[in-house]
């Protein structure tokens, strides 16, 4: 069965699900730290991001690049920088837009991918245990 451009891909649904799970965690933090409204703002922003990702065409270049960099099949499995920023979306800067943030997630995924197993820098050809 061919998926239409309007139907979110399984990967998009996985991204949205992680956004919603993180939003739920932030709402729990809002209960724990009742004087810090930033947790509620981040939870709301993550729910908006989830809806935004689901509304994008499945062939959106950012979605495809995120899947290439963070996907394990149809699962969204981001590394440290992407996870860190997701959990803090609009926490400090309420004005960050959805599309610019999605662009930033792709940039962070590129940085995370480039760092995997290369903590000591590039190795001499043949000496790289990770390559």
Protein backbone atom coordinates (compact mmCIF):
# COMPACT_ATOMS: atom_id res chain seq x y z
CA UNK A 1 0.00 0.00 0.00
CA UNK A 2 1.47 3.35 -1.01
CA UNK A 3 1.44 6.10 1.59
CA UNK A 4 0.11 9.49 0.53
CA UNK A 5 2.11 12.65 1.17
CA UNK A 6 -0.47 13.64 3.81
CA UNK A 7 -0.12 10.47 5.88
CA UNK A 8 2.65 10.59 8.47
CA UNK A 9 5.29 7.92 8.17
CA UNK A 10 5.91 5.47 11.03
CA UNK A 11 9.12 7.41 11.72
CA UNK A 12 7.18 10.68 12.03
CA UNK A 13 4.82 8.98 14.45
CA UNK A 14 7.85 7.78 16.45
CA UNK A 15 9.25 11.33 16.61
CA UNK A 16 5.86 12.64 17.71
CA UNK A 17 5.57 9.92 20.36
CA UNK A 18 8.95 10.81 21.87
CA UNK A 19 7.93 14.48 21.90
CA UNK A 20 4.72 13.58 23.72
CA UNK A 21 6.51 11.31 26.21
CA UNK A 22 8.98 14.10 26.94
CA UNK A 23 6.10 16.55 27.31
CA UNK A 24 4.51 14.23 29.86
CA UNK A 25 7.82 14.08 31.76
CA UNK A 26 8.00 17.90 31.72
CA UNK A 27 4.46 18.12 33.07
CA UNK A 28 5.56 15.88 35.93
CA UNK A 29 8.45 18.23 36.57
CA UNK A 30 5.97 21.12 36.62
CA UNK A 31 4.11 19.34 39.43
CA UNK A 32 7.38 18.69 41.25
CA UNK A 33 8.62 22.28 40.85
CA UNK A 34 5.37 24.21 41.04
CA UNK A 35 7.05 27.60 40.86
CA UNK A 36 8.70 27.06 37.47
CA UNK A 37 6.27 27.57 34.57
CA UNK A 38 9.03 26.80 32.07
CA UNK A 39 8.24 23.10 32.43
CA UNK A 40 4.65 23.65 31.30
CA UNK A 41 5.82 25.89 28.46
CA UNK A 42 8.22 23.17 27.26
CA UNK A 43 5.53 20.48 27.54
CA UNK A 44 3.14 22.57 25.47
CA UNK A 45 5.87 23.31 22.92
CA UNK A 46 6.71 19.61 22.58
CA UNK A 47 3.06 18.78 21.94
CA UNK A 48 3.01 21.49 19.25
CA UNK A 49 6.19 20.03 17.76
CA UNK A 50 4.65 16.55 17.71
CA UNK A 51 1.62 17.87 15.80
CA UNK A 52 3.89 19.82 13.45
CA UNK A 53 6.04 16.79 12.63
CA UNK A 54 2.92 14.72 11.93
CA UNK A 55 1.57 17.44 9.60
CA UNK A 56 4.74 17.57 7.49
CA UNK A 57 4.91 15.61 4.25
CA UNK A 58 6.60 12.24 4.79
CA UNK A 59 9.21 13.27 2.24
CA UNK A 60 10.13 16.49 4.04
CA UNK A 61 13.95 16.72 3.75
CA UNK A 62 14.36 17.31 7.49
CA UNK A 63 12.27 14.27 8.35
CA UNK A 64 14.26 12.15 5.90
CA UNK A 65 17.57 13.45 7.28
CA UNK A 66 16.50 12.88 10.88
CA UNK A 67 15.53 9.34 9.99
CA UNK A 68 18.87 8.75 8.26
CA UNK A 69 20.79 10.11 11.25
CA UNK A 70 18.67 8.99 14.22
CA UNK A 71 16.50 6.21 12.89
CA UNK A 72 16.76 2.56 13.68
CA UNK A 73 14.36 1.38 11.05
CA UNK A 74 11.17 3.32 11.76
CA UNK A 75 12.18 4.03 15.38
CA UNK A 76 13.41 7.47 16.44
CA UNK A 77 16.57 6.82 18.47
CA UNK A 78 18.33 10.17 18.85
CA UNK A 79 21.62 10.65 20.61
CA UNK A 80 22.61 13.01 23.41
CA UNK A 81 22.44 16.45 21.80
CA UNK A 82 19.08 15.88 20.14
CA UNK A 83 17.58 14.43 23.33
CA UNK A 84 18.98 17.27 25.42
CA UNK A 85 17.51 19.97 23.18
CA UNK A 86 14.17 18.22 22.81
CA UNK A 87 13.78 18.22 26.57
CA UNK A 88 14.45 21.95 26.70
CA UNK A 89 12.47 23.18 23.69
CA UNK A 90 11.29 26.72 24.59
CA UNK A 91 12.41 26.21 28.20
CA UNK A 92 14.69 29.26 28.12
CA UNK A 93 13.56 30.96 24.89
CA UNK A 94 9.78 30.93 24.44
CA UNK A 95 9.94 32.49 20.98
CA UNK A 96 11.73 29.63 19.16
CA UNK A 97 9.72 28.57 16.10
CA UNK A 98 8.83 25.01 15.15
CA UNK A 99 10.63 24.95 11.80
CA UNK A 100 13.84 26.59 13.06
CA UNK A 101 13.89 24.13 15.95
CA UNK A 102 13.44 21.19 13.59
CA UNK A 103 16.35 22.54 11.51
CA UNK A 104 18.42 22.70 14.70
CA UNK A 105 17.56 19.09 15.56
CA UNK A 106 18.92 18.00 12.19
CA UNK A 107 22.14 19.97 12.79
CA UNK A 108 22.51 18.40 16.22
CA UNK A 109 21.87 14.93 14.80
CA UNK A 110 24.66 15.55 12.27
CA UNK A 111 26.98 16.57 15.13
CA UNK A 112 25.98 13.54 17.20
CA UNK A 113 26.59 11.22 14.26
CA UNK A 114 30.00 12.77 13.57
CA UNK A 115 31.05 12.19 17.16
CA UNK A 116 30.13 8.52 17.41
CA UNK A 117 33.24 6.56 18.27
CA UNK A 118 35.59 9.39 17.33
CA UNK A 119 36.46 10.80 20.72
CA UNK A 120 40.18 10.76 19.96
CA UNK A 121 39.84 12.38 16.55
CA UNK A 122 40.53 10.82 13.18
CA UNK A 123 42.78 7.80 13.10
CA UNK A 124 45.44 6.72 10.64
CA UNK A 125 43.86 4.56 7.91
CA UNK A 126 43.79 0.97 9.12
CA UNK A 127 44.10 1.92 12.82
CA UNK A 128 40.52 3.07 13.39
CA UNK A 129 38.78 0.45 15.57
CA UNK A 130 35.40 2.07 14.82
CA UNK A 131 35.72 2.22 11.03
